[in-house]
PDB file of N, CA and C in Angstrom:
ATOM      1  N   MET A   1      -2.678 -84.255   8.261  1.00  0.00           N
ATOM      2  CA  MET A   1      -2.378 -82.872   8.137  1.00  0.00           C
ATOM      3  C   MET A   1      -2.680 -82.438   6.711  1.00  0.00           C
ATOM      4  N   THR A   2      -3.284 -81.298   6.605  1.00  0.00           N
ATOM      5  CA  THR A   2      -3.691 -80.814   5.306  1.00  0.00           C
ATOM      6  C   THR A   2      -2.731 -79.745   4.857  1.00  0.00           C
ATOM      7  N   LYS A   3      -2.390 -79.858   3.608  1.00  0.00           N
ATOM      8  CA  LYS A   3      -1.516 -78.840   3.048  1.00  0.00           C
ATOM      9  C   LYS A   3      -2.376 -77.816   2.334  1.00  0.00           C
ATOM     10  N   VAL A   4      -2.074 -76.560   2.619  1.00  0.00           N
ATOM     11  CA  VAL A   4      -2.823 -75.478   1.988  1.00  0.00           C
ATOM     12  C   VAL A   4      -1.879 -74.794   1.007  1.00  0.00           C
ATOM     13  N   ASN A   5      -2.369 -74.654  -0.162  1.00  0.00           N
ATOM     14  CA  ASN A   5      -1.576 -73.967  -1.184  1.00  0.00           C
ATOM     15  C   ASN A   5      -1.783 -72.468  -0.991  1.00  0.00           C
ATOM     16  N   THR A   6      -0.759 -71.789  -0.518  1.00  0.00           N
ATOM     17  CA  THR A   6      -0.892 -70.361  -0.207  1.00  0.00           C
ATOM     18  C   THR A   6      -1.057 -69.531  -1.457  1.00  0.00           C
ATOM     19  N   ALA A   7      -0.483 -69.912  -2.559  1.00  0.00           N
ATOM     20  CA  ALA A   7      -0.634 -69.154  -3.797  1.00  0.00           C
ATOM     21  C   ALA A   7      -2.077 -69.186  -4.252  1.00  0.00           C
ATOM     22  N   THR A   8      -2.741 -70.337  -4.124  1.00  0.00           N
ATOM     23  CA  THR A   8      -4.125 -70.458  -4.526  1.00  0.00           C
ATOM     24  C   THR A   8      -5.014 -69.672  -3.585  1.00  0.00           C
ATOM     25  N   THR A   9      -4.720 -69.685  -2.299  1.00  0.00           N
ATOM     26  CA  THR A   9      -5.523 -68.971  -1.315  1.00  0.00           C
ATOM     27  C   THR A   9      -5.453 -67.470  -1.559  1.00  0.00           C
ATOM     28  N   GLN A  10      -4.260 -66.968  -1.839  1.00  0.00           N
ATOM     29  CA  GLN A  10      -4.123 -65.535  -2.086  1.00  0.00           C
ATOM     30  C   GLN A  10      -4.869 -65.136  -3.351  1.00  0.00           C
ATOM     31  N   LYS A  11      -4.802 -66.000  -4.392  1.00  0.00           N
ATOM     32  CA  LYS A  11      -5.477 -65.694  -5.636  1.00  0.00           C
ATOM     33  C   LYS A  11      -6.980 -65.693  -5.435  1.00  0.00           C
ATOM     34  N   THR A  12      -7.484 -66.630  -4.673  1.00  0.00           N
ATOM     35  CA  THR A  12      -8.908 -66.719  -4.418  1.00  0.00           C
ATOM     36  C   THR A  12      -9.370 -65.511  -3.609  1.00  0.00           C
ATOM     37  N   ALA A  13      -8.592 -65.079  -2.623  1.00  0.00           N
ATOM     38  CA  ALA A  13      -8.967 -63.939  -1.794  1.00  0.00           C
ATOM     39  C   ALA A  13      -8.997 -62.667  -2.635  1.00  0.00           C
ATOM     40  N   GLU A  14      -8.043 -62.556  -3.562  1.00  0.00           N
ATOM     41  CA  GLU A  14      -8.011 -61.366  -4.400  1.00  0.00           C
ATOM     42  C   GLU A  14      -9.179 -61.335  -5.368  1.00  0.00           C
ATOM     43  N   SER A  15      -9.565 -62.494  -5.879  1.00  0.00           N
ATOM     44  CA  SER A  15     -10.640 -62.527  -6.864  1.00  0.00           C
ATOM     45  C   SER A  15     -11.999 -62.329  -6.228  1.00  0.00           C
ATOM     46  N   THR A  16     -12.150 -62.631  -4.941  1.00  0.00           N
ATOM     47  CA  THR A  16     -13.442 -62.483  -4.297  1.00  0.00           C
ATOM     48  C   THR A  16     -13.651 -61.088  -3.716  1.00  0.00           C
ATOM     49  N   SER A  17     -12.588 -60.341  -3.440  1.00  0.00           N
ATOM     50  CA  SER A  17     -12.774 -59.005  -2.875  1.00  0.00           C
ATOM     51  C   SER A  17     -13.151 -58.025  -3.988  1.00  0.00           C
ATOM     52  N   PRO A  18     -14.028 -57.087  -3.658  1.00  0.00           N
ATOM     53  CA  PRO A  18     -14.461 -56.143  -4.690  1.00  0.00           C
ATOM     54  C   PRO A  18     -13.318 -55.201  -5.062  1.00  0.00           C
ATOM     55  N   LYS A  19     -13.223 -54.921  -6.328  1.00  0.00           N
ATOM     56  CA  LYS A  19     -12.173 -54.012  -6.792  1.00  0.00           C
ATOM     57  C   LYS A  19     -12.742 -52.596  -6.804  1.00  0.00           C
ATOM     58  N   THR A  20     -11.936 -51.717  -6.284  1.00  0.00           N
ATOM     59  CA  THR A  20     -12.341 -50.309  -6.313  1.00  0.00           C
ATOM     60  C   THR A  20     -11.290 -49.538  -7.089  1.00  0.00           C
ATOM     61  N   ASP A  21     -11.742 -48.925  -8.128  1.00  0.00           N
ATOM     62  CA  ASP A  21     -10.841 -48.092  -8.908  1.00  0.00           C
ATOM     63  C   ASP A  21     -11.027 -46.649  -8.450  1.00  0.00           C
ATOM     64  N   MET A  22      -9.942 -46.015  -8.155  1.00  0.00           N
ATOM     65  CA  MET A  22      -9.995 -44.626  -7.717  1.00  0.00           C
ATOM     66  C   MET A  22      -9.478 -43.750  -8.839  1.00  0.00           C
ATOM     67  N   ALA A  23     -10.228 -42.725  -9.114  1.00  0.00           N
ATOM     68  CA  ALA A  23      -9.804 -41.780 -10.135  1.00  0.00           C
ATOM     69  C   ALA A  23      -9.483 -40.452  -9.459  1.00  0.00           C
ATOM     70  N   VAL A  24      -8.416 -39.826  -9.864  1.00  0.00           N
ATOM     71  CA  VAL A  24      -8.024 -38.532  -9.318  1.00  0.00           C
ATOM     72  C   VAL A  24      -8.665 -37.452 -10.168  1.00  0.00           C
ATOM     73  N   VAL A  25      -9.393 -36.600  -9.491  1.00  0.00           N
ATOM     74  CA  VAL A  25     -10.061 -35.506 -10.182  1.00  0.00           C
ATOM     75  C   VAL A  25      -9.308 -34.236  -9.839  1.00  0.00           C
ATOM     76  N   LYS A  26      -8.896 -33.517 -10.855  1.00  0.00           N
ATOM     77  CA  LYS A  26      -8.165 -32.269 -10.643  1.00  0.00           C
ATOM     78  C   LYS A  26      -9.141 -31.098 -10.698  1.00  0.00           C
ATOM     79  N   ASN A  27      -8.971 -30.225  -9.743  1.00  0.00           N
ATOM     80  CA  ASN A  27      -9.750 -28.983  -9.770  1.00  0.00           C
ATOM     81  C   ASN A  27      -8.956 -27.959 -10.570  1.00  0.00           C
ATOM     82  N   GLU A  28      -9.371 -27.744 -11.753  1.00  0.00           N
ATOM     83  CA  GLU A  28      -8.683 -26.781 -12.593  1.00  0.00           C
ATOM     84  C   GLU A  28      -9.437 -25.457 -12.565  1.00  0.00           C
ATOM     85  N   VAL A  29      -8.695 -24.421 -12.314  1.00  0.00           N
ATOM     86  CA  VAL A  29      -9.281 -23.093 -12.306  1.00  0.00           C
ATOM     87  C   VAL A  29      -9.070 -22.499 -13.687  1.00  0.00           C
ATOM     88  N   MET A  30     -10.160 -22.175 -14.277  1.00  0.00           N
ATOM     89  CA  MET A  30     -10.087 -21.589 -15.607  1.00  0.00           C
ATOM     90  C   MET A  30      -9.783 -20.105 -15.459  1.00  0.00           C
ATOM     91  N   PRO A  31      -8.735 -19.628 -16.126  1.00  0.00           N
ATOM     92  CA  PRO A  31      -8.427 -18.205 -16.013  1.00  0.00           C
ATOM     93  C   PRO A  31      -9.530 -17.347 -16.633  1.00  0.00           C
ATOM     94  N   VAL A  32      -9.860 -16.311 -15.904  1.00  0.00           N
ATOM     95  CA  VAL A  32     -10.899 -15.403 -16.368  1.00  0.00           C
ATOM     96  C   VAL A  32     -10.195 -14.196 -16.981  1.00  0.00           C
ATOM     97  N   ALA A  33     -10.576 -13.879 -18.157  1.00  0.00           N
ATOM     98  CA  ALA A  33      -9.970 -12.728 -18.830  1.00  0.00           C
ATOM     99  C   ALA A  33     -10.330 -11.464 -18.058  1.00  0.00           C
ATOM    100  N   PRO A  34      -9.327 -10.590 -17.788  1.00  0.00           N
ATOM    101  CA  PRO A  34      -9.642  -9.360 -17.060  1.00  0.00           C
ATOM    102  C   PRO A  34     -10.597  -8.488 -17.863  1.00  0.00           C
ATOM    103  N   LYS A  35     -11.514  -7.900 -17.122  1.00  0.00           N
ATOM    104  CA  LYS A  35     -12.519  -7.049 -17.762  1.00  0.00           C
ATOM    105  C   LYS A  35     -11.854  -5.773 -18.249  1.00  0.00           C
ATOM    106  N   GLU A  36     -12.058  -5.447 -19.475  1.00  0.00           N
ATOM    107  CA  GLU A  36     -11.514  -4.223 -20.060  1.00  0.00           C
ATOM    108  C   GLU A  36     -12.318  -3.039 -19.541  1.00  0.00           C
ATOM    109  N   PRO A  37     -11.629  -2.034 -18.926  1.00  0.00           N
ATOM    110  CA  PRO A  37     -12.375  -0.881 -18.419  1.00  0.00           C
ATOM    111  C   PRO A  37     -12.996  -0.076 -19.559  1.00  0.00           C
ATOM    112  N   THR A  38     -14.120   0.502 -19.250  1.00  0.00           N
ATOM    113  CA  THR A  38     -14.797   1.330 -20.245  1.00  0.00           C
ATOM    114  C   THR A  38     -14.032   2.639 -20.422  1.00  0.00           C
ATOM    115  N   LEU A  39     -14.396   3.373 -21.442  1.00  0.00           N
ATOM    116  CA  LEU A  39     -13.750   4.655 -21.699  1.00  0.00           C
ATOM    117  C   LEU A  39     -13.947   5.604 -20.519  1.00  0.00           C
ATOM    118  N   ASP A  40     -15.153   5.646 -19.971  1.00  0.00           N
ATOM    119  CA  ASP A  40     -15.421   6.515 -18.821  1.00  0.00           C
ATOM    120  C   ASP A  40     -14.564   6.120 -17.612  1.00  0.00           C
ATOM    121  N   GLU A  41     -14.399   4.821 -17.395  1.00  0.00           N
ATOM    122  CA  GLU A  41     -13.579   4.355 -16.272  1.00  0.00           C
ATOM    123  C   GLU A  41     -12.111   4.751 -16.466  1.00  0.00           C
ATOM    124  N   ARG A  42     -11.625   4.632 -17.696  1.00  0.00           N
ATOM    125  CA  ARG A  42     -10.236   5.021 -17.968  1.00  0.00           C
ATOM    126  C   ARG A  42     -10.046   6.525 -17.801  1.00  0.00           C
ATOM    127  N   ILE A  43     -11.002   7.324 -18.271  1.00  0.00           N
ATOM    128  CA  ILE A  43     -10.919   8.781 -18.116  1.00  0.00           C
ATOM    129  C   ILE A  43     -10.938   9.148 -16.638  1.00  0.00           C
ATOM    130  N   HIS A  44     -11.800   8.503 -15.874  1.00  0.00           N
ATOM    131  CA  HIS A  44     -11.890   8.761 -14.439  1.00  0.00           C
ATOM    132  C   HIS A  44     -10.553   8.438 -13.752  1.00  0.00           C
ATOM    133  N   LYS A  45      -9.932   7.335 -14.134  1.00  0.00           N
ATOM    134  CA  LYS A  45      -8.651   6.950 -13.540  1.00  0.00           C
ATOM    135  C   LYS A  45      -7.569   7.979 -13.884  1.00  0.00           C
ATOM    136  N   VAL A  46      -7.546   8.442 -15.137  1.00  0.00           N
ATOM    137  CA  VAL A  46      -6.562   9.450 -15.546  1.00  0.00           C
ATOM    138  C   VAL A  46      -6.782  10.748 -14.773  1.00  0.00           C
ATOM    139  N   GLU A  47      -8.038  11.151 -14.594  1.00  0.00           N
ATOM    140  CA  GLU A  47      -8.333  12.367 -13.827  1.00  0.00           C
ATOM    141  C   GLU A  47      -7.861  12.232 -12.391  1.00  0.00           C
ATOM    142  N   ASN A  48      -8.107  11.070 -11.786  1.00  0.00           N
ATOM    143  CA  ASN A  48      -7.650  10.834 -10.413  1.00  0.00           C
ATOM    144  C   ASN A  48      -6.130  10.867 -10.324  1.00  0.00           C
ATOM    145  N   LEU A  49      -5.469  10.270 -11.304  1.00  0.00           N
ATOM    146  CA  LEU A  49      -4.006  10.300 -11.324  1.00  0.00           C
ATOM    147  C   LEU A  49      -3.493  11.732 -11.454  1.00  0.00           C
ATOM    148  N   GLN A  50      -4.161  12.530 -12.287  1.00  0.00           N
ATOM    149  CA  GLN A  50      -3.746  13.921 -12.460  1.00  0.00           C
ATOM    150  C   GLN A  50      -3.895  14.692 -11.152  1.00  0.00           C
ATOM    151  N   LEU A  51      -4.969  14.449 -10.421  1.00  0.00           N
ATOM    152  CA  LEU A  51      -5.152  15.104  -9.123  1.00  0.00           C
ATOM    153  C   LEU A  51      -4.034  14.712  -8.149  1.00  0.00           C
ATOM    154  N   LEU A  52      -3.681  13.443  -8.140  1.00  0.00           N
ATOM    155  CA  LEU A  52      -2.607  12.978  -7.259  1.00  0.00           C
ATOM    156  C   LEU A  52      -1.268  13.602  -7.644  1.00  0.00           C
ATOM    157  N   VAL A  53      -1.000  13.686  -8.936  1.00  0.00           N
ATOM    158  CA  VAL A  53       0.258  14.279  -9.405  1.00  0.00           C
ATOM    159  C   VAL A  53       0.320  15.757  -9.031  1.00  0.00           C
ATOM    160  N   THR A  54      -0.790  16.466  -9.187  1.00  0.00           N
ATOM    161  CA  THR A  54      -0.839  17.882  -8.821  1.00  0.00           C
ATOM    162  C   THR A  54      -0.629  18.068  -7.322  1.00  0.00           C
ATOM    163  N   LYS A  55      -1.281  17.250  -6.524  1.00  0.00           N
ATOM    164  CA  LYS A  55      -1.136  17.336  -5.071  1.00  0.00           C
ATOM    165  C   LYS A  55       0.303  17.035  -4.657  1.00  0.00           C
ATOM    166  N   ARG A  56       0.898  16.037  -5.291  1.00  0.00           N
ATOM    167  CA  ARG A  56       2.294  15.686  -5.001  1.00  0.00           C
ATOM    168  C   ARG A  56       3.219  16.853  -5.333  1.00  0.00           C
ATOM    169  N   SER A  57       3.001  17.486  -6.474  1.00  0.00           N
ATOM    170  CA  SER A  57       3.836  18.618  -6.878  1.00  0.00           C
ATOM    171  C   SER A  57       3.752  19.767  -5.872  1.00  0.00           C
ATOM    172  N   LYS A  58       2.543  20.056  -5.401  1.00  0.00           N
ATOM    173  CA  LYS A  58       2.371  21.128  -4.414  1.00  0.00           C
ATOM    174  C   LYS A  58       3.069  20.789  -3.103  1.00  0.00           C
ATOM    175  N   LEU A  59       2.961  19.539  -2.673  1.00  0.00           N
ATOM    176  CA  LEU A  59       3.626  19.122  -1.437  1.00  0.00           C
ATOM    177  C   LEU A  59       5.144  19.213  -1.569  1.00  0.00           C
ATOM    178  N   ILE A  60       5.670  18.807  -2.719  1.00  0.00           N
ATOM    179  CA  ILE A  60       7.114  18.874  -2.928  1.00  0.00           C
ATOM    180  C   ILE A  60       7.583  20.322  -2.953  1.00  0.00           C
ATOM    181  N   GLN A  61       6.803  21.199  -3.575  1.00  0.00           N
ATOM    182  CA  GLN A  61       7.156  22.627  -3.615  1.00  0.00           C
ATOM    183  C   GLN A  61       7.171  23.216  -2.202  1.00  0.00           C
ATOM    184  N   THR A  62       6.150  22.921  -1.416  1.00  0.00           N
ATOM    185  CA  THR A  62       6.077  23.441  -0.051  1.00  0.00           C
ATOM    186  C   THR A  62       7.208  22.879   0.805  1.00  0.00           C
ATOM    187  N   ARG A  63       7.499  21.605   0.624  1.00  0.00           N
ATOM    188  CA  ARG A  63       8.600  20.961   1.367  1.00  0.00           C
ATOM    189  C   ARG A  63       9.926  21.622   1.004  1.00  0.00           C
ATOM    190  N   SER A  64      10.093  21.967  -0.259  1.00  0.00           N
ATOM    191  CA  SER A  64      11.305  22.640  -0.722  1.00  0.00           C
ATOM    192  C   SER A  64      11.435  24.029  -0.104  1.00  0.00           C
ATOM    193  N   GLU A  65      10.308  24.747   0.018  1.00  0.00           N
ATOM    194  CA  GLU A  65      10.328  26.069   0.652  1.00  0.00           C
ATOM    195  C   GLU A  65      10.747  25.957   2.118  1.00  0.00           C
ATOM    196  N   LEU A  66      10.276  24.934   2.798  1.00  0.00           N
ATOM    197  CA  LEU A  66      10.687  24.726   4.196  1.00  0.00           C
ATOM    198  C   LEU A  66      12.179  24.418   4.279  1.00  0.00           C
ATOM    199  N   GLU A  67      12.686  23.701   3.312  1.00  0.00           N
ATOM    200  CA  GLU A  67      14.102  23.334   3.298  1.00  0.00           C
ATOM    201  C   GLU A  67      14.982  24.582   3.169  1.00  0.00           C
ATOM    202  N   ARG A  68      14.512  25.563   2.422  1.00  0.00           N
ATOM    203  CA  ARG A  68      15.275  26.804   2.215  1.00  0.00           C
ATOM    204  C   ARG A  68      15.185  27.756   3.413  1.00  0.00           C
ATOM    205  N   PHE A  69      14.231  27.515   4.288  1.00  0.00           N
ATOM    206  CA  PHE A  69      14.041  28.384   5.444  1.00  0.00           C
ATOM    207  C   PHE A  69      15.242  28.243   6.384  1.00  0.00           C
ATOM    208  N   GLN A  70      15.875  29.362   6.715  1.00  0.00           N
ATOM    209  CA  GLN A  70      17.090  29.363   7.536  1.00  0.00           C
ATOM    210  C   GLN A  70      16.765  29.772   8.967  1.00  0.00           C
ATOM    211  N   ILE A  71      17.264  28.991   9.902  1.00  0.00           N
ATOM    212  CA  ILE A  71      17.125  29.326  11.319  1.00  0.00           C
ATOM    213  C   ILE A  71      18.537  29.458  11.872  1.00  0.00           C
ATOM    214  N   GLY A  72      18.822  30.589  12.464  1.00  0.00           N
ATOM    215  CA  GLY A  72      20.152  30.826  13.033  1.00  0.00           C
ATOM    216  C   GLY A  72      20.224  30.355  14.470  1.00  0.00           C
ATOM    217  N   SER A  73      21.378  30.557  15.065  1.00  0.00           N
ATOM    218  CA  SER A  73      21.577  30.122  16.443  1.00  0.00           C
ATOM    219  C   SER A  73      21.047  31.145  17.449  1.00  0.00           C
ATOM    220  N   ASN A  74      20.823  32.376  17.008  1.00  0.00           N
ATOM    221  CA  ASN A  74      20.299  33.410  17.884  1.00  0.00           C
ATOM    222  C   ASN A  74      18.827  33.089  18.178  1.00  0.00           C
ATOM    223  N   ASP A  75      18.453  33.170  19.429  1.00  0.00           N
ATOM    224  CA  ASP A  75      17.100  32.787  19.818  1.00  0.00           C
ATOM    225  C   ASP A  75      16.018  33.733  19.313  1.00  0.00           C
ATOM    226  N   PHE A  76      16.381  34.883  18.779  1.00  0.00           N
ATOM    227  CA  PHE A  76      15.359  35.840  18.371  1.00  0.00           C
ATOM    228  C   PHE A  76      15.570  36.368  16.956  1.00  0.00           C
ATOM    229  N   ASN A  77      16.094  35.552  16.057  1.00  0.00           N
ATOM    230  CA  ASN A  77      16.361  36.035  14.707  1.00  0.00           C
ATOM    231  C   ASN A  77      15.239  35.721  13.725  1.00  0.00           C
ATOM    232  N   CYS A  78      14.220  34.983  14.126  1.00  0.00           N
ATOM    233  CA  CYS A  78      13.106  34.681  13.223  1.00  0.00           C
ATOM    234  C   CYS A  78      11.804  34.681  14.017  1.00  0.00           C
ATOM    235  N   ASN A  79      10.720  34.805  13.303  1.00  0.00           N
ATOM    236  CA  ASN A  79       9.398  34.814  13.926  1.00  0.00           C
ATOM    237  C   ASN A  79       8.493  33.834  13.208  1.00  0.00           C
ATOM    238  N   MET A  80       7.545  33.319  13.946  1.00  0.00           N
ATOM    239  CA  MET A  80       6.542  32.439  13.372  1.00  0.00           C
ATOM    240  C   MET A  80       5.189  32.960  13.831  1.00  0.00           C
ATOM    241  N   GLN A  81       4.266  33.026  12.872  1.00  0.00           N
ATOM    242  CA  GLN A  81       2.931  33.498  13.210  1.00  0.00           C
ATOM    243  C   GLN A  81       1.921  32.476  12.689  1.00  0.00           C
ATOM    244  N   MET A  82       0.980  32.135  13.547  1.00  0.00           N
ATOM    245  CA  MET A  82      -0.102  31.229  13.167  1.00  0.00           C
ATOM    246  C   MET A  82      -1.414  31.972  13.362  1.00  0.00           C
ATOM    247  N   LYS A  83      -2.343  31.695  12.467  1.00  0.00           N
ATOM    248  CA  LYS A  83      -3.636  32.339  12.537  1.00  0.00           C
ATOM    249  C   LYS A  83      -4.709  31.268  12.380  1.00  0.00           C
ATOM    250  N   ASP A  84      -5.713  31.288  13.258  1.00  0.00           N
ATOM    251  CA  ASP A  84      -6.779  30.285  13.168  1.00  0.00           C
ATOM    252  C   ASP A  84      -7.960  30.821  12.368  1.00  0.00           C
ATOM    253  N   SER A  85      -8.980  30.001  12.235  1.00  0.00           N
ATOM    254  CA  SER A  85     -10.140  30.370  11.410  1.00  0.00           C
ATOM    255  C   SER A  85     -10.962  31.503  12.016  1.00  0.00           C
ATOM    256  N   ASP A  86     -10.812  31.748  13.300  1.00  0.00           N
ATOM    257  CA  ASP A  86     -11.533  32.852  13.942  1.00  0.00           C
ATOM    258  C   ASP A  86     -10.763  34.170  13.873  1.00  0.00           C
ATOM    259  N   GLY A  87      -9.560  34.141  13.303  1.00  0.00           N
ATOM    260  CA  GLY A  87      -8.766  35.356  13.199  1.00  0.00           C
ATOM    261  C   GLY A  87      -7.798  35.559  14.344  1.00  0.00           C
ATOM    262  N   ASN A  88      -7.776  34.648  15.304  1.00  0.00           N
ATOM    263  CA  ASN A  88      -6.827  34.737  16.410  1.00  0.00           C
ATOM    264  C   ASN A  88      -5.429  34.428  15.892  1.00  0.00           C
ATOM    265  N   THR A  89      -4.442  35.164  16.386  1.00  0.00           N
ATOM    266  CA  THR A  89      -3.068  34.944  15.941  1.00  0.00           C
ATOM    267  C   THR A  89      -2.175  34.592  17.117  1.00  0.00           C
ATOM    268  N   PHE A  90      -1.144  33.847  16.797  1.00  0.00           N
ATOM    269  CA  PHE A  90      -0.104  33.509  17.766  1.00  0.00           C
ATOM    270  C   PHE A  90       1.222  33.778  17.082  1.00  0.00           C
ATOM    271  N   THR A  91       2.067  34.576  17.727  1.00  0.00           N
ATOM    272  CA  THR A  91       3.376  34.915  17.178  1.00  0.00           C
ATOM    273  C   THR A  91       4.436  34.563  18.205  1.00  0.00           C
ATOM    274  N   THR A  92       5.522  33.965  17.720  1.00  0.00           N
ATOM    275  CA  THR A  92       6.631  33.641  18.605  1.00  0.00           C
ATOM    276  C   THR A  92       7.948  33.850  17.870  1.00  0.00           C
ATOM    277  N   GLY A  93       8.972  34.129  18.648  1.00  0.00           N
ATOM    278  CA  GLY A  93      10.325  34.256  18.117  1.00  0.00           C
ATOM    279  C   GLY A  93      11.248  33.238  18.750  1.00  0.00           C
ATOM    280  N   PHE A  94      10.693  32.259  19.423  1.00  0.00           N
ATOM    281  CA  PHE A  94      11.469  31.238  20.120  1.00  0.00           C
ATOM    282  C   PHE A  94      12.017  30.236  19.094  1.00  0.00           C
ATOM    283  N   THR A  95      13.288  30.396  18.773  1.00  0.00           N
ATOM    284  CA  THR A  95      13.911  29.636  17.696  1.00  0.00           C
ATOM    285  C   THR A  95      13.844  28.124  17.891  1.00  0.00           C
ATOM    286  N   PRO A  96      14.146  27.574  19.090  1.00  0.00           N
ATOM    287  CA  PRO A  96      14.056  26.106  19.220  1.00  0.00           C
ATOM    288  C   PRO A  96      12.639  25.573  18.957  1.00  0.00           C
ATOM    289  N   GLY A  97      11.634  26.322  19.364  1.00  0.00           N
ATOM    290  CA  GLY A  97      10.253  25.912  19.098  1.00  0.00           C
ATOM    291  C   GLY A  97       9.923  25.968  17.615  1.00  0.00           C
ATOM    292  N   ILE A  98      10.381  27.026  16.954  1.00  0.00           N
ATOM    293  CA  ILE A  98      10.149  27.172  15.516  1.00  0.00           C
ATOM    294  C   ILE A  98      10.844  26.040  14.765  1.00  0.00           C
ATOM    295  N   LYS A  99      12.069  25.706  15.186  1.00  0.00           N
ATOM    296  CA  LYS A  99      12.803  24.614  14.536  1.00  0.00           C
ATOM    297  C   LYS A  99      12.047  23.297  14.676  1.00  0.00           C
ATOM    298  N   LYS A 100      11.477  23.033  15.840  1.00  0.00           N
ATOM    299  CA  LYS A 100      10.715  21.792  16.037  1.00  0.00           C
ATOM    300  C   LYS A 100       9.459  21.766  15.166  1.00  0.00           C
ATOM    301  N   VAL A 101       8.793  22.902  15.038  1.00  0.00           N
ATOM    302  CA  VAL A 101       7.610  22.984  14.179  1.00  0.00           C
ATOM    303  C   VAL A 101       8.000  22.702  12.731  1.00  0.00           C
ATOM    304  N   ILE A 102       9.103  23.298  12.282  1.00  0.00           N
ATOM    305  CA  ILE A 102       9.559  23.085  10.904  1.00  0.00           C
ATOM    306  C   ILE A 102       9.941  21.620  10.685  1.00  0.00           C
ATOM    307  N   ASP A 103      10.641  21.021  11.633  1.00  0.00           N
ATOM    308  CA  ASP A 103      11.011  19.604  11.516  1.00  0.00           C
ATOM    309  C   ASP A 103       9.769  18.711  11.453  1.00  0.00           C
ATOM    310  N   PHE A 104       8.773  19.052  12.277  1.00  0.00           N
ATOM    311  CA  PHE A 104       7.523  18.292  12.256  1.00  0.00           C
ATOM    312  C   PHE A 104       6.828  18.427  10.904  1.00  0.00           C
ATOM    313  N   LEU A 105       6.777  19.647  10.382  1.00  0.00           N
ATOM    314  CA  LEU A 105       6.138  19.872   9.085  1.00  0.00           C
ATOM    315  C   LEU A 105       6.865  19.126   7.965  1.00  0.00           C
ATOM    316  N   LYS A 106       8.193  19.141   7.991  1.00  0.00           N
ATOM    317  CA  LYS A 106       8.970  18.412   6.976  1.00  0.00           C
ATOM    318  C   LYS A 106       8.631  16.921   7.010  1.00  0.00           C
ATOM    319  N   ALA A 107       8.606  16.355   8.204  1.00  0.00           N
ATOM    320  CA  ALA A 107       8.286  14.929   8.339  1.00  0.00           C
ATOM    321  C   ALA A 107       6.861  14.640   7.866  1.00  0.00           C
ATOM    322  N   SER A 108       5.946  15.544   8.177  1.00  0.00           N
ATOM    323  CA  SER A 108       4.555  15.365   7.741  1.00  0.00           C
ATOM    324  C   SER A 108       4.438  15.444   6.222  1.00  0.00           C
ATOM    325  N   PHE A 109       5.137  16.398   5.621  1.00  0.00           N
ATOM    326  CA  PHE A 109       5.120  16.505   4.154  1.00  0.00           C
ATOM    327  C   PHE A 109       5.734  15.265   3.513  1.00  0.00           C
ATOM    328  N   ASP A 110       6.845  14.790   4.081  1.00  0.00           N
ATOM    329  CA  ASP A 110       7.487  13.582   3.542  1.00  0.00           C
ATOM    330  C   ASP A 110       6.532  12.388   3.587  1.00  0.00           C
ATOM    331  N   ALA A 111       5.808  12.239   4.697  1.00  0.00           N
ATOM    332  CA  ALA A 111       4.862  11.129   4.826  1.00  0.00           C
ATOM    333  C   ALA A 111       3.717  11.270   3.823  1.00  0.00           C
ATOM    334  N   SER A 112       3.220  12.491   3.648  1.00  0.00           N
ATOM    335  CA  SER A 112       2.137  12.714   2.684  1.00  0.00           C
ATOM    336  C   SER A 112       2.591  12.456   1.260  1.00  0.00           C
ATOM    337  N   ILE A 113       3.805  12.886   0.933  1.00  0.00           N
ATOM    338  CA  ILE A 113       4.350  12.643  -0.405  1.00  0.00           C
ATOM    339  C   ILE A 113       4.476  11.149  -0.657  1.00  0.00           C
ATOM    340  N   GLN A 114       4.987  10.422   0.332  1.00  0.00           N
ATOM    341  CA  GLN A 114       5.140   8.971   0.187  1.00  0.00           C
ATOM    342  C   GLN A 114       3.786   8.283   0.016  1.00  0.00           C
ATOM    343  N   GLU A 115       2.795   8.728   0.769  1.00  0.00           N
ATOM    344  CA  GLU A 115       1.451   8.163   0.669  1.00  0.00           C
ATOM    345  C   GLU A 115       0.864   8.371  -0.731  1.00  0.00           C
ATOM    346  N   ILE A 116       1.041   9.569  -1.259  1.00  0.00           N
ATOM    347  CA  ILE A 116       0.525   9.851  -2.610  1.00  0.00           C
ATOM    348  C   ILE A 116       1.275   9.037  -3.655  1.00  0.00           C
ATOM    349  N   GLU A 117       2.593   8.938  -3.512  1.00  0.00           N
ATOM    350  CA  GLU A 117       3.368   8.152  -4.475  1.00  0.00           C
ATOM    351  C   GLU A 117       2.939   6.683  -4.468  1.00  0.00           C
ATOM    352  N   ASN A 118       2.554   6.168  -3.312  1.00  0.00           N
ATOM    353  CA  ASN A 118       2.072   4.786  -3.237  1.00  0.00           C
ATOM    354  C   ASN A 118       0.722   4.614  -3.922  1.00  0.00           C
ATOM    355  N   LYS A 119      -0.064   5.662  -3.997  1.00  0.00           N
ATOM    356  CA  LYS A 119      -1.377   5.604  -4.635  1.00  0.00           C
ATOM    357  C   LYS A 119      -1.289   5.724  -6.153  1.00  0.00           C
ATOM    358  N   ILE A 120      -0.190   6.242  -6.670  1.00  0.00           N
ATOM    359  CA  ILE A 120      -0.041   6.426  -8.115  1.00  0.00           C
ATOM    360  C   ILE A 120       0.335   5.096  -8.742  1.00  0.00           C
ATOM    361  N   LYS A 121      -0.670   4.441  -9.304  1.00  0.00           N
ATOM    362  CA  LYS A 121      -0.481   3.134  -9.944  1.00  0.00           C
ATOM    363  C   LYS A 121      -1.214   3.136 -11.267  1.00  0.00           C
ATOM    364  N   PHE A 122      -0.698   2.378 -12.205  1.00  0.00           N
ATOM    365  CA  PHE A 122      -1.322   2.269 -13.513  1.00  0.00           C
ATOM    366  C   PHE A 122      -2.012   0.937 -13.658  1.00  0.00           C
TER     367      PHE A 122
END
């Protein structure tokens, strides 16, 4: 019976197998400096912001005028008149209908104001 030295066998197996060294390569992202806007670009942005601020102010003023508009409980105490681009007019004194139109307009103005406020960024 032959005795095998296991320590020698393991050492021999390790020395005969090829060694592979693995290196970890990191992907580093180099930060890119933000491009400084030109003077014309900055002026254009300020002009756009001014237009948005003006539009917002007009919407808030109109919304405020609607808020002050009083509708009573009497079905015929107010009138609403609409006119189209062809000059055709529609007039009504139906208070519940007028109230719904005003409520719709208020909601529309609120949505437009919110949309403009979201666009105002520096």
